[in-house]
Amino acid sequence: MPQLDRPEVEENLDAVGAGLDSLDAPAGERRPGFWKRFAWGFLPPVLALVLLIVVWQVLWAAAFWSEAQLPAPIAVWDEFWSRVVSGEVFGFVWTSVHRAALGFVAGVIIGTPLGLVVAKVRVVRAAIGPLLTGLQSLPSVAWVPAAILWFGINDAAIYFVVLLGSVPSIANGLVSGIDQIPPILPRVGQVMGANRFSSARHILLPAALPGFLAGLKQGWAFSWRSLMAAELIALSPQLGVGLGAYLNQGSSLNSIETVIAAIFLILLVGVGIELLVFRPLERAVLRARGLTSSL
């Protein structure tokens, strides 16, 4: 059997992948229009938020709790809007989001090859697979005191906590995706002369993409949660004021309006990243595989 050189192997593997995707995709599917997709993706969360505010207003009017425990929605809005007018809210959001994004990207760079090695090397999987699962279940706030003692109250401590929150989820997501790949696909790559790098790039990662994407979503969620825990505890002028520090300010001043406004901003960023980044990616992956019933 003639041996193919590496460019020919990669070209053939790409053709096989495109052919499999075309077989998976349903024929003659009509994609919904922009406004319909916008309505289904944007309106339900907005309606849920409106319902929450209505219930909140009713509970406040019933006076079950004091103003120090449950303020009126308008009081929280006044606190939030005053921060918007002063421009502080944009600094809070930028400080936290850019930290979370950098930590998440670093987590992807570390977690992806780690997940590949754990999935394909039996000894490594037996050695550190349970450790990754344990780290994933460990609350990130537990790492904050250790990070402060090791690195001091600085950005290094915060990024350390974010990485320990994101890397295990990303690696385990990729491992789970690779475990669900039909065994015939790697064998096809071997028959066509693919080496380990080509097999990982053209077969394993594309075939494991749905599980990997789920791991990325969970990795981002853990990154965001880890960052908030670190910002709540690690307070220093050189770190600036992020959303976690803003929440801590409200708690220190016994201002429930500030606390709820900070929680609202943290939730808003989380929902925004889900709707603007991960949901379109998930839909594109599912649509390419013909899983339109899940959309």
C-alpha atoms as a PDB file:
ATOM      1  CA  MET A   1       0.000   0.000   0.000  1.00  0.00           C
ATOM      2  CA  PRO A   2       1.557   3.353  -1.039  1.00  0.00           C
ATOM      3  CA  GLN A   3       2.438   5.761   1.776  1.00  0.00           C
ATOM      4  CA  LEU A   4       0.997   9.272   1.633  1.00  0.00           C
ATOM      5  CA  ASP A   5       2.998  12.294   2.680  1.00  0.00           C
ATOM      6  CA  ARG A   6       1.751  14.471   5.547  1.00  0.00           C
ATOM      7  CA  PRO A   7      -0.045  17.192   3.459  1.00  0.00           C
ATOM      8  CA  GLU A   8      -1.939  14.506   1.530  1.00  0.00           C
ATOM      9  CA  VAL A   9      -2.893  12.740   4.768  1.00  0.00           C
ATOM     10  CA  GLU A  10      -4.222  15.966   6.315  1.00  0.00           C
ATOM     11  CA  GLU A  11      -6.122  16.829   3.121  1.00  0.00           C
ATOM     12  CA  ASN A  12      -7.732  13.383   3.069  1.00  0.00           C
ATOM     13  CA  LEU A  13      -8.630  13.606   6.756  1.00  0.00           C
ATOM     14  CA  ASP A  14     -10.263  17.002   6.186  1.00  0.00           C
ATOM     15  CA  ALA A  15     -12.257  15.500   3.312  1.00  0.00           C
ATOM     16  CA  VAL A  16     -13.391  12.606   5.494  1.00  0.00           C
ATOM     17  CA  GLY A  17     -14.473  15.021   8.238  1.00  0.00           C
ATOM     18  CA  ALA A  18     -16.399  17.186   5.788  1.00  0.00           C
ATOM     19  CA  GLY A  19     -18.073  14.104   4.367  1.00  0.00           C
ATOM     20  CA  LEU A  20     -19.143  12.871   7.792  1.00  0.00           C
ATOM     21  CA  ASP A  21     -20.561  16.297   8.641  1.00  0.00           C
ATOM     22  CA  SER A  22     -22.502  16.384   5.378  1.00  0.00           C
ATOM     23  CA  LEU A  23     -23.947  12.945   6.153  1.00  0.00           C
ATOM     24  CA  ASP A  24     -24.971  14.080   9.636  1.00  0.00           C
ATOM     25  CA  ALA A  25     -26.579  17.323   8.493  1.00  0.00           C
ATOM     26  CA  PRO A  26     -30.246  17.004   7.503  1.00  0.00           C
ATOM     27  CA  ALA A  27     -31.014  17.757   3.878  1.00  0.00           C
ATOM     28  CA  GLY A  28     -33.105  20.769   3.004  1.00  0.00           C
ATOM     29  CA  GLU A  29     -33.076  22.242   6.519  1.00  0.00           C
ATOM     30  CA  ARG A  30     -34.433  25.758   6.594  1.00  0.00           C
ATOM     31  CA  ARG A  31     -32.654  27.987   9.065  1.00  0.00           C
ATOM     32  CA  PRO A  32     -34.921  30.323  11.077  1.00  0.00           C
ATOM     33  CA  GLY A  33     -34.607  34.047  10.435  1.00  0.00           C
ATOM     34  CA  PHE A  34     -32.583  36.453  12.540  1.00  0.00           C
ATOM     35  CA  TRP A  35     -35.517  37.992  14.364  1.00  0.00           C
ATOM     36  CA  LYS A  36     -36.990  34.616  15.249  1.00  0.00           C
ATOM     37  CA  ARG A  37     -33.660  33.418  16.615  1.00  0.00           C
ATOM     38  CA  PHE A  38     -33.283  36.721  18.478  1.00  0.00           C
ATOM     39  CA  ALA A  39     -36.749  36.373  19.982  1.00  0.00           C
ATOM     40  CA  TRP A  40     -36.176  32.801  21.165  1.00  0.00           C
ATOM     41  CA  GLY A  41     -32.714  33.571  22.525  1.00  0.00           C
ATOM     42  CA  PHE A  42     -33.280  36.989  24.101  1.00  0.00           C
ATOM     43  CA  LEU A  43     -36.902  37.353  25.123  1.00  0.00           C
ATOM     44  CA  PRO A  44     -37.249  34.365  27.516  1.00  0.00           C
ATOM     45  CA  PRO A  45     -34.468  35.578  29.860  1.00  0.00           C
ATOM     46  CA  VAL A  46     -35.906  39.107  29.772  1.00  0.00           C
ATOM     47  CA  LEU A  47     -39.394  37.859  30.603  1.00  0.00           C
ATOM     48  CA  ALA A  48     -37.973  35.764  33.453  1.00  0.00           C
ATOM     49  CA  LEU A  49     -36.201  38.859  34.804  1.00  0.00           C
ATOM     50  CA  VAL A  50     -39.387  40.918  34.613  1.00  0.00           C
ATOM     51  CA  LEU A  51     -41.289  38.209  36.487  1.00  0.00           C
ATOM     52  CA  LEU A  52     -38.579  38.128  39.157  1.00  0.00           C
ATOM     53  CA  ILE A  53     -38.805  41.902  39.645  1.00  0.00           C
ATOM     54  CA  VAL A  54     -42.603  41.717  39.919  1.00  0.00           C
ATOM     55  CA  VAL A  55     -42.372  39.035  42.614  1.00  0.00           C
ATOM     56  CA  TRP A  56     -39.684  41.054  44.371  1.00  0.00           C
ATOM     57  CA  GLN A  57     -41.873  44.173  44.345  1.00  0.00           C
ATOM     58  CA  VAL A  58     -44.816  42.222  45.761  1.00  0.00           C
ATOM     59  CA  LEU A  59     -42.697  40.786  48.585  1.00  0.00           C
ATOM     60  CA  TRP A  60     -41.301  44.239  49.390  1.00  0.00           C
ATOM     61  CA  ALA A  61     -44.793  45.763  49.457  1.00  0.00           C
ATOM     62  CA  ALA A  62     -45.953  43.003  51.796  1.00  0.00           C
ATOM     63  CA  ALA A  63     -43.235  44.110  54.273  1.00  0.00           C
ATOM     64  CA  PHE A  64     -42.296  40.612  55.398  1.00  0.00           C
ATOM     65  CA  TRP A  65     -38.732  41.837  55.935  1.00  0.00           C
ATOM     66  CA  SER A  66     -37.226  45.178  56.903  1.00  0.00           C
ATOM     67  CA  GLU A  67     -35.712  47.581  54.359  1.00  0.00           C
ATOM     68  CA  ALA A  68     -32.255  46.581  55.589  1.00  0.00           C
ATOM     69  CA  GLN A  69     -32.939  43.012  54.458  1.00  0.00           C
ATOM     70  CA  LEU A  70     -35.111  43.453  51.370  1.00  0.00           C
ATOM     71  CA  PRO A  71     -34.978  46.883  49.717  1.00  0.00           C
ATOM     72  CA  ALA A  72     -37.374  48.061  47.050  1.00  0.00           C
ATOM     73  CA  PRO A  73     -36.368  47.316  43.450  1.00  0.00           C
ATOM     74  CA  ILE A  74     -36.268  51.057  42.732  1.00  0.00           C
ATOM     75  CA  ALA A  75     -33.714  51.561  45.537  1.00  0.00           C
ATOM     76  CA  VAL A  76     -31.396  48.957  43.987  1.00  0.00           C
ATOM     77  CA  TRP A  77     -31.939  50.527  40.573  1.00  0.00           C
ATOM     78  CA  ASP A  78     -30.978  53.961  41.952  1.00  0.00           C
ATOM     79  CA  GLU A  79     -27.737  52.497  43.348  1.00  0.00           C
ATOM     80  CA  PHE A  80     -26.991  50.738  40.060  1.00  0.00           C
ATOM     81  CA  TRP A  81     -27.809  53.776  37.910  1.00  0.00           C
ATOM     82  CA  SER A  82     -25.704  56.106  40.060  1.00  0.00           C
ATOM     83  CA  ARG A  83     -22.714  53.834  39.367  1.00  0.00           C
ATOM     84  CA  VAL A  84     -23.518  53.857  35.651  1.00  0.00           C
ATOM     85  CA  VAL A  85     -23.751  57.654  35.525  1.00  0.00           C
ATOM     86  CA  SER A  86     -20.450  58.014  37.395  1.00  0.00           C
ATOM     87  CA  GLY A  87     -18.829  55.494  35.058  1.00  0.00           C
ATOM     88  CA  GLU A  88     -17.702  53.264  37.919  1.00  0.00           C
ATOM     89  CA  VAL A  89     -19.708  50.272  36.764  1.00  0.00           C
ATOM     90  CA  PHE A  90     -17.733  50.019  33.531  1.00  0.00           C
ATOM     91  CA  GLY A  91     -14.494  49.909  35.510  1.00  0.00           C
ATOM     92  CA  PHE A  92     -15.912  47.188  37.779  1.00  0.00           C
ATOM     93  CA  VAL A  93     -17.010  45.062  34.834  1.00  0.00           C
ATOM     94  CA  TRP A  94     -13.827  45.570  32.809  1.00  0.00           C
ATOM     95  CA  THR A  95     -11.559  44.719  35.749  1.00  0.00           C
ATOM     96  CA  SER A  96     -13.351  41.433  36.387  1.00  0.00           C
ATOM     97  CA  VAL A  97     -14.152  40.387  32.809  1.00  0.00           C
ATOM     98  CA  HIS A  98     -10.648  40.870  31.445  1.00  0.00           C
ATOM     99  CA  ARG A  99      -9.217  38.900  34.372  1.00  0.00           C
ATOM    100  CA  ALA A 100     -11.702  36.087  33.836  1.00  0.00           C
ATOM    101  CA  ALA A 101     -11.082  36.074  30.068  1.00  0.00           C
ATOM    102  CA  LEU A 102      -7.287  35.930  30.426  1.00  0.00           C
ATOM    103  CA  GLY A 103      -7.543  33.213  33.056  1.00  0.00           C
ATOM    104  CA  PHE A 104      -9.989  31.240  30.913  1.00  0.00           C
ATOM    105  CA  VAL A 105      -7.764  31.452  27.817  1.00  0.00           C
ATOM    106  CA  ALA A 106      -4.811  30.266  29.882  1.00  0.00           C
ATOM    107  CA  GLY A 107      -7.011  27.470  31.213  1.00  0.00           C
ATOM    108  CA  VAL A 108      -7.888  26.384  27.657  1.00  0.00           C
ATOM    109  CA  ILE A 109      -4.211  26.412  26.656  1.00  0.00           C
ATOM    110  CA  ILE A 110      -3.315  24.229  29.639  1.00  0.00           C
ATOM    111  CA  GLY A 111      -6.459  22.106  29.874  1.00  0.00           C
ATOM    112  CA  THR A 112      -6.691  21.060  26.210  1.00  0.00           C
ATOM    113  CA  PRO A 113      -3.366  19.201  25.904  1.00  0.00           C
ATOM    114  CA  LEU A 114      -3.813  17.911  29.452  1.00  0.00           C
ATOM    115  CA  GLY A 115      -7.204  16.468  28.518  1.00  0.00           C
ATOM    116  CA  LEU A 116      -5.754  14.845  25.385  1.00  0.00           C
ATOM    117  CA  VAL A 117      -2.967  13.197  27.370  1.00  0.00           C
ATOM    118  CA  VAL A 118      -5.310  11.994  30.118  1.00  0.00           C
ATOM    119  CA  ALA A 119      -7.763  10.601  27.555  1.00  0.00           C
ATOM    120  CA  LYS A 120      -5.197   8.728  25.450  1.00  0.00           C
ATOM    121  CA  VAL A 121      -2.451   7.683  27.898  1.00  0.00           C
ATOM    122  CA  ARG A 122      -3.739   5.018  30.273  1.00  0.00           C
ATOM    123  CA  VAL A 123      -1.041   5.470  32.917  1.00  0.00           C
ATOM    124  CA  VAL A 124      -1.579   9.238  33.083  1.00  0.00           C
ATOM    125  CA  ARG A 125      -5.324   8.733  33.324  1.00  0.00           C
ATOM    126  CA  ALA A 126      -4.949   6.306  36.217  1.00  0.00           C
ATOM    127  CA  ALA A 127      -2.528   8.661  37.953  1.00  0.00           C
ATOM    128  CA  ILE A 128      -4.179  12.086  37.670  1.00  0.00           C
ATOM    129  CA  GLY A 129      -7.697  11.384  36.390  1.00  0.00           C
ATOM    130  CA  PRO A 130      -9.168  11.095  39.912  1.00  0.00           C
ATOM    131  CA  LEU A 131      -7.152  14.152  40.966  1.00  0.00           C
ATOM    132  CA  LEU A 132      -8.711  16.249  38.188  1.00  0.00           C
ATOM    133  CA  THR A 133     -12.185  15.131  39.240  1.00  0.00           C
ATOM    134  CA  GLY A 134     -11.390  15.972  42.855  1.00  0.00           C
ATOM    135  CA  LEU A 135     -10.059  19.407  41.935  1.00  0.00           C
ATOM    136  CA  GLN A 136     -13.185  20.060  39.881  1.00  0.00           C
ATOM    137  CA  SER A 137     -15.402  19.368  42.897  1.00  0.00           C
ATOM    138  CA  LEU A 138     -13.241  21.367  45.324  1.00  0.00           C
ATOM    139  CA  PRO A 139     -14.708  24.850  46.021  1.00  0.00           C
ATOM    140  CA  SER A 140     -12.407  27.447  44.508  1.00  0.00           C
ATOM    141  CA  VAL A 141     -12.650  29.668  47.580  1.00  0.00           C
ATOM    142  CA  ALA A 142     -10.565  27.063  49.425  1.00  0.00           C
ATOM    143  CA  TRP A 143      -7.561  28.012  47.273  1.00  0.00           C
ATOM    144  CA  VAL A 144      -7.731  31.738  48.006  1.00  0.00           C
ATOM    145  CA  PRO A 145      -5.959  31.720  51.425  1.00  0.00           C
ATOM    146  CA  ALA A 146      -3.213  29.461  50.080  1.00  0.00           C
ATOM    147  CA  ALA A 147      -2.797  31.630  46.974  1.00  0.00           C
ATOM    148  CA  ILE A 148      -2.445  34.763  49.111  1.00  0.00           C
ATOM    149  CA  LEU A 149       0.224  33.090  51.277  1.00  0.00           C
ATOM    150  CA  TRP A 150       2.132  31.806  48.231  1.00  0.00           C
ATOM    151  CA  PHE A 151       1.923  34.818  45.907  1.00  0.00           C
ATOM    152  CA  GLY A 152       0.756  37.711  48.071  1.00  0.00           C
ATOM    153  CA  ILE A 153      -2.275  39.896  47.382  1.00  0.00           C
ATOM    154  CA  ASN A 154      -1.698  40.504  43.680  1.00  0.00           C
ATOM    155  CA  ASP A 155      -2.859  39.418  40.239  1.00  0.00           C
ATOM    156  CA  ALA A 156      -0.792  36.214  40.380  1.00  0.00           C
ATOM    157  CA  ALA A 157      -2.856  34.939  43.311  1.00  0.00           C
ATOM    158  CA  ILE A 158      -6.118  35.712  41.502  1.00  0.00           C
ATOM    159  CA  TYR A 159      -5.044  34.045  38.246  1.00  0.00           C
ATOM    160  CA  PHE A 160      -3.834  31.009  40.185  1.00  0.00           C
ATOM    161  CA  VAL A 161      -7.291  30.563  41.707  1.00  0.00           C
ATOM    162  CA  VAL A 162      -8.972  31.081  38.317  1.00  0.00           C
ATOM    163  CA  LEU A 163      -6.745  28.470  36.665  1.00  0.00           C
ATOM    164  CA  LEU A 164      -7.421  25.888  39.353  1.00  0.00           C
ATOM    165  CA  GLY A 165     -11.116  26.509  38.826  1.00  0.00           C
ATOM    166  CA  SER A 166     -11.108  26.233  35.023  1.00  0.00           C
ATOM    167  CA  VAL A 167      -8.424  23.703  34.024  1.00  0.00           C
ATOM    168  CA  PRO A 168     -10.000  20.581  35.606  1.00  0.00           C
ATOM    169  CA  SER A 169     -13.397  21.287  34.014  1.00  0.00           C
ATOM    170  CA  ILE A 170     -11.906  21.915  30.573  1.00  0.00           C
ATOM    171  CA  ALA A 171      -9.683  18.813  30.732  1.00  0.00           C
ATOM    172  CA  ASN A 172     -12.494  16.583  32.006  1.00  0.00           C
ATOM    173  CA  GLY A 173     -14.854  17.908  29.329  1.00  0.00           C
ATOM    174  CA  LEU A 174     -12.380  16.956  26.608  1.00  0.00           C
ATOM    175  CA  VAL A 175     -11.792  13.545  28.189  1.00  0.00           C
ATOM    176  CA  SER A 176     -15.538  12.921  28.276  1.00  0.00           C
ATOM    177  CA  GLY A 177     -15.878  13.967  24.627  1.00  0.00           C
ATOM    178  CA  ILE A 178     -13.025  11.705  23.488  1.00  0.00           C
ATOM    179  CA  ASP A 179     -14.466   8.766  25.428  1.00  0.00           C
ATOM    180  CA  GLN A 180     -17.654   9.059  23.346  1.00  0.00           C
ATOM    181  CA  ILE A 181     -15.883   8.963  19.975  1.00  0.00           C
ATOM    182  CA  PRO A 182     -16.669   5.781  17.985  1.00  0.00           C
ATOM    183  CA  PRO A 183     -13.497   3.633  17.923  1.00  0.00           C
ATOM    184  CA  ILE A 184     -13.664   3.338  14.148  1.00  0.00           C
ATOM    185  CA  LEU A 185     -12.755   6.994  13.606  1.00  0.00           C
ATOM    186  CA  PRO A 186      -9.217   6.818  15.109  1.00  0.00           C
ATOM    187  CA  ARG A 187      -8.702   3.549  13.224  1.00  0.00           C
ATOM    188  CA  VAL A 188      -9.592   5.246   9.943  1.00  0.00           C
ATOM    189  CA  GLY A 189      -6.957   7.874  10.687  1.00  0.00           C
ATOM    190  CA  GLN A 190      -4.346   5.220  11.377  1.00  0.00           C
ATOM    191  CA  VAL A 191      -5.149   3.415   8.132  1.00  0.00           C
ATOM    192  CA  MET A 192      -4.752   6.693   6.235  1.00  0.00           C
ATOM    193  CA  GLY A 193      -1.337   7.244   7.796  1.00  0.00           C
ATOM    194  CA  ALA A 194      -2.138   9.925  10.366  1.00  0.00           C
ATOM    195  CA  ASN A 195       0.405  10.387  13.133  1.00  0.00           C
ATOM    196  CA  ARG A 196      -0.600  11.248  16.698  1.00  0.00           C
ATOM    197  CA  PHE A 197      -0.600  15.000  16.109  1.00  0.00           C
ATOM    198  CA  SER A 198      -2.672  14.746  12.920  1.00  0.00           C
ATOM    199  CA  SER A 199      -5.064  12.310  14.571  1.00  0.00           C
ATOM    200  CA  ALA A 200      -5.579  14.654  17.520  1.00  0.00           C
ATOM    201  CA  ARG A 201      -6.045  17.697  15.281  1.00  0.00           C
ATOM    202  CA  HIS A 202      -8.241  16.226  12.549  1.00  0.00           C
ATOM    203  CA  ILE A 203     -10.106  13.403  14.310  1.00  0.00           C
ATOM    204  CA  LEU A 204     -10.122  13.528  18.103  1.00  0.00           C
ATOM    205  CA  LEU A 205     -10.748  17.246  18.662  1.00  0.00           C
ATOM    206  CA  PRO A 206     -13.446  17.658  15.964  1.00  0.00           C
ATOM    207  CA  ALA A 207     -15.242  14.451  16.981  1.00  0.00           C
ATOM    208  CA  ALA A 208     -15.063  15.369  20.682  1.00  0.00           C
ATOM    209  CA  LEU A 209     -16.188  18.967  20.066  1.00  0.00           C
ATOM    210  CA  PRO A 210     -19.676  18.705  21.664  1.00  0.00           C
ATOM    211  CA  GLY A 211     -18.268  17.306  24.910  1.00  0.00           C
ATOM    212  CA  PHE A 212     -15.315  19.687  24.751  1.00  0.00           C
ATOM    213  CA  LEU A 213     -17.661  22.646  24.302  1.00  0.00           C
ATOM    214  CA  ALA A 214     -19.614  21.538  27.371  1.00  0.00           C
ATOM    215  CA  GLY A 215     -16.328  21.449  29.253  1.00  0.00           C
ATOM    216  CA  LEU A 216     -15.476  24.936  28.005  1.00  0.00           C
ATOM    217  CA  LYS A 217     -18.820  26.272  29.222  1.00  0.00           C
ATOM    218  CA  GLN A 218     -18.304  24.702  32.610  1.00  0.00           C
ATOM    219  CA  GLY A 219     -14.705  25.925  32.639  1.00  0.00           C
ATOM    220  CA  TRP A 220     -15.868  29.496  32.051  1.00  0.00           C
ATOM    221  CA  ALA A 221     -18.476  29.161  34.809  1.00  0.00           C
ATOM    222  CA  PHE A 222     -15.828  27.899  37.227  1.00  0.00           C
ATOM    223  CA  SER A 223     -13.437  30.659  36.125  1.00  0.00           C
ATOM    224  CA  TRP A 224     -16.068  33.297  36.851  1.00  0.00           C
ATOM    225  CA  ARG A 225     -16.978  31.786  40.221  1.00  0.00           C
ATOM    226  CA  SER A 226     -13.321  31.430  41.185  1.00  0.00           C
ATOM    227  CA  LEU A 227     -12.620  35.028  40.239  1.00  0.00           C
ATOM    228  CA  MET A 228     -15.499  36.330  42.339  1.00  0.00           C
ATOM    229  CA  ALA A 229     -14.267  34.309  45.341  1.00  0.00           C
ATOM    230  CA  ALA A 230     -10.732  35.659  44.898  1.00  0.00           C
ATOM    231  CA  GLU A 231     -11.872  39.281  44.483  1.00  0.00           C
ATOM    232  CA  LEU A 232     -14.081  39.040  47.564  1.00  0.00           C
ATOM    233  CA  ILE A 233     -11.177  37.970  49.777  1.00  0.00           C
ATOM    234  CA  ALA A 234      -8.025  39.360  48.138  1.00  0.00           C
ATOM    235  CA  LEU A 235      -8.491  43.112  48.499  1.00  0.00           C
ATOM    236  CA  SER A 236      -5.705  45.553  47.686  1.00  0.00           C
ATOM    237  CA  PRO A 237      -5.506  49.028  46.063  1.00  0.00           C
ATOM    238  CA  GLN A 238      -3.084  47.683  43.452  1.00  0.00           C
ATOM    239  CA  LEU A 239      -5.690  45.143  42.297  1.00  0.00           C
ATOM    240  CA  GLY A 240      -8.297  47.780  41.504  1.00  0.00           C
ATOM    241  CA  VAL A 241     -12.003  47.351  42.156  1.00  0.00           C
ATOM    242  CA  GLY A 242     -13.735  44.513  40.348  1.00  0.00           C
ATOM    243  CA  LEU A 243     -17.223  43.163  40.839  1.00  0.00           C
ATOM    244  CA  GLY A 244     -16.136  41.010  43.774  1.00  0.00           C
ATOM    245  CA  ALA A 245     -14.553  43.988  45.533  1.00  0.00           C
ATOM    246  CA  TYR A 246     -17.678  46.057  44.803  1.00  0.00           C
ATOM    247  CA  LEU A 247     -19.768  43.336  46.452  1.00  0.00           C
ATOM    248  CA  ASN A 248     -17.419  43.345  49.424  1.00  0.00           C
ATOM    249  CA  GLN A 249     -17.819  47.122  49.723  1.00  0.00           C
ATOM    250  CA  GLY A 250     -21.581  46.741  50.013  1.00  0.00           C
ATOM    251  CA  SER A 251     -21.197  44.109  52.705  1.00  0.00           C
ATOM    252  CA  SER A 252     -18.689  46.202  54.674  1.00  0.00           C
ATOM    253  CA  LEU A 253     -20.991  49.257  54.545  1.00  0.00           C
ATOM    254  CA  ASN A 254     -24.097  47.215  55.441  1.00  0.00           C
ATOM    255  CA  SER A 255     -25.681  48.451  52.209  1.00  0.00           C
ATOM    256  CA  ILE A 256     -28.055  45.801  50.929  1.00  0.00           C
ATOM    257  CA  GLU A 257     -28.758  47.940  47.842  1.00  0.00           C
ATOM    258  CA  THR A 258     -25.081  47.812  46.886  1.00  0.00           C
ATOM    259  CA  VAL A 259     -24.900  44.070  47.585  1.00  0.00           C
ATOM    260  CA  ILE A 260     -27.900  43.291  45.356  1.00  0.00           C
ATOM    261  CA  ALA A 261     -26.665  45.652  42.623  1.00  0.00           C
ATOM    262  CA  ALA A 262     -23.296  43.853  42.622  1.00  0.00           C
ATOM    263  CA  ILE A 263     -24.995  40.451  42.498  1.00  0.00           C
ATOM    264  CA  PHE A 264     -27.117  41.692  39.591  1.00  0.00           C
ATOM    265  CA  LEU A 265     -24.003  42.809  37.687  1.00  0.00           C
ATOM    266  CA  ILE A 266     -22.245  39.479  38.308  1.00  0.00           C
ATOM    267  CA  LEU A 267     -25.314  37.612  37.067  1.00  0.00           C
ATOM    268  CA  LEU A 268     -25.677  39.946  34.069  1.00  0.00           C
ATOM    269  CA  VAL A 269     -22.125  39.259  32.919  1.00  0.00           C
ATOM    270  CA  GLY A 270     -22.628  35.507  33.292  1.00  0.00           C
ATOM    271  CA  VAL A 271     -25.853  35.531  31.281  1.00  0.00           C
ATOM    272  CA  GLY A 272     -24.329  37.849  28.676  1.00  0.00           C
ATOM    273  CA  ILE A 273     -21.327  35.573  28.055  1.00  0.00           C
ATOM    274  CA  GLU A 274     -23.665  32.581  27.752  1.00  0.00           C
ATOM    275  CA  LEU A 275     -25.974  34.300  25.233  1.00  0.00           C
ATOM    276  CA  LEU A 276     -23.298  36.069  23.179  1.00  0.00           C
ATOM    277  CA  VAL A 277     -20.486  33.497  23.124  1.00  0.00           C
ATOM    278  CA  PHE A 278     -21.321  29.949  24.161  1.00  0.00           C
ATOM    279  CA  ARG A 279     -24.887  29.582  22.925  1.00  0.00           C
ATOM    280  CA  PRO A 280     -24.049  30.573  19.305  1.00  0.00           C
ATOM    281  CA  LEU A 281     -21.052  28.214  19.375  1.00  0.00           C
ATOM    282  CA  GLU A 282     -23.186  25.399  20.742  1.00  0.00           C
ATOM    283  CA  ARG A 283     -25.868  25.947  18.114  1.00  0.00           C
ATOM    284  CA  ALA A 284     -23.301  25.983  15.319  1.00  0.00           C
ATOM    285  CA  VAL A 285     -21.777  22.699  16.517  1.00  0.00           C
ATOM    286  CA  LEU A 286     -25.152  20.996  16.957  1.00  0.00           C
ATOM    287  CA  ARG A 287     -26.406  22.241  13.593  1.00  0.00           C
ATOM    288  CA  ALA A 288     -23.259  20.963  11.835  1.00  0.00           C
ATOM    289  CA  ARG A 289     -23.999  17.517  13.261  1.00  0.00           C
ATOM    290  CA  GLY A 290     -27.660  17.580  12.344  1.00  0.00           C
ATOM    291  CA  LEU A 291     -28.864  17.803  15.956  1.00  0.00           C
ATOM    292  CA  THR A 292     -31.352  20.555  15.219  1.00  0.00           C
ATOM    293  CA  SER A 293     -33.933  19.129  17.616  1.00  0.00           C
ATOM    294  CA  SER A 294     -31.690  20.229  20.473  1.00  0.00           C
ATOM    295  CA  LEU A 295     -31.717  23.874  19.343  1.00  0.00           C
END
